[in-house]
Amino acid sequence: MKGLWLENNQLQLRTDIPTPELAEGEALVRVLCAGICNTDLELIRGYYPYTGIIGHEFVGVVEQGPKHLVNLRVVGEINAVCGHCRFCRSGQPTHCENRTVLGIVNRNGAFADYLCLPIENLHPVPDHIPTEVATFTEPLAAALEIQQQVAVHPKDRVLVVGDGKLGQLVAQTLALTGCNLLVVGRHQDKLANLKARGIKTGLADAVTDRTFDISVECTGNAEGFAIAHRALRPRGTLILKSTYAGNLSLNASALVVDEITLIGSRCGSFSPALDLLASGKVDVKPLIHAHYPLSQGLTAFEHAQTKGVLKVLVEMANS
């Protein structure tokens, strides 16, 4: 089969990759569409020493698996877990000590004709959700995870730093809480997507230091972290949603003096994300900037790294 293969920080299109062989309890999924996210780009830059097919945001059709899933469109949670380690037993499977992670850790990913995942990871996509929209299920679930970790109230002053793909989804989900929300970024055209939904936006100079209860850092760079940190009041909460390819320098003493709560936030539950997409309460279509066939996957990744570009989708059909 064809796939986008990452090795030694170099991405290549290969046509000689064996179709996945299923382990017990897994399903074979024919991939329809997959989205390029910042984690994919950071893997290429060396964020994690991964070799294999990248990609983890996908929609596909089950070709081999249980009868109730065969021929259905599905999305899939990316962590394949052991079920018996201390984290699995305590209800924290995304931190399974023995997990593989689709397109990230020891499991070939979604930029290919086929992938395999445990059956328990798969979620059917409602018929009325378009495939390109359902491709956002995984990052939308990650955005919603914030509200599983931190209670967000209507009276809270909340800052989102970053107007990129993840920042846009985080902002839309937080806006549903009714909180006093401000989103800051560098690109007026991206911020316009949120402004059109009634969300207050601005550039970095719109942030008043030491006034926010919660700030969410979605840029993955030191400048974004600094803005999110200095915006917080004492005993505020700083949530990190982005991975960092390099080392991050920070003033640890300031975190201690102001008693800041620092929270890393990663994967979330798919069911609430699918519900939001089905209801239309979150609109992802304005975030789609381009579609490419898998045969032009390298061009798609070049496009995805272009300044100002949001989501680039890779389609496997007719590729």
Foldseek 3Di string as FASTA:
>chain_A
DWAFWDAPLDTDIDDPDDQDDDDPQKFKWFWFKFWDDVVNVLVSVPLDRDTAGAGQQTWTATCDDDPVRHRFIKHFAFKAADCPDPCNVVVNRVVHPPIAGARGGPADHDLGRMGMGGPVGIDGAPPPQDRVLSSCLWLLQLLCQVCVVDPAALAFEEEEEELAQSSLSNQLVSVVRNHNYEYEYDDPVSVVVVVVVVHHYYHLVVADFQDGQEYEQDPQDQVSVVSRVRSHHQQHEYEYADRHSDDHDDDVVVCVVSVYHYYYTYTGDRPVSSVCSVVVSRDCVVLEDEEEESVCVVVQVVVCPDPPHHMYMYGDPPD
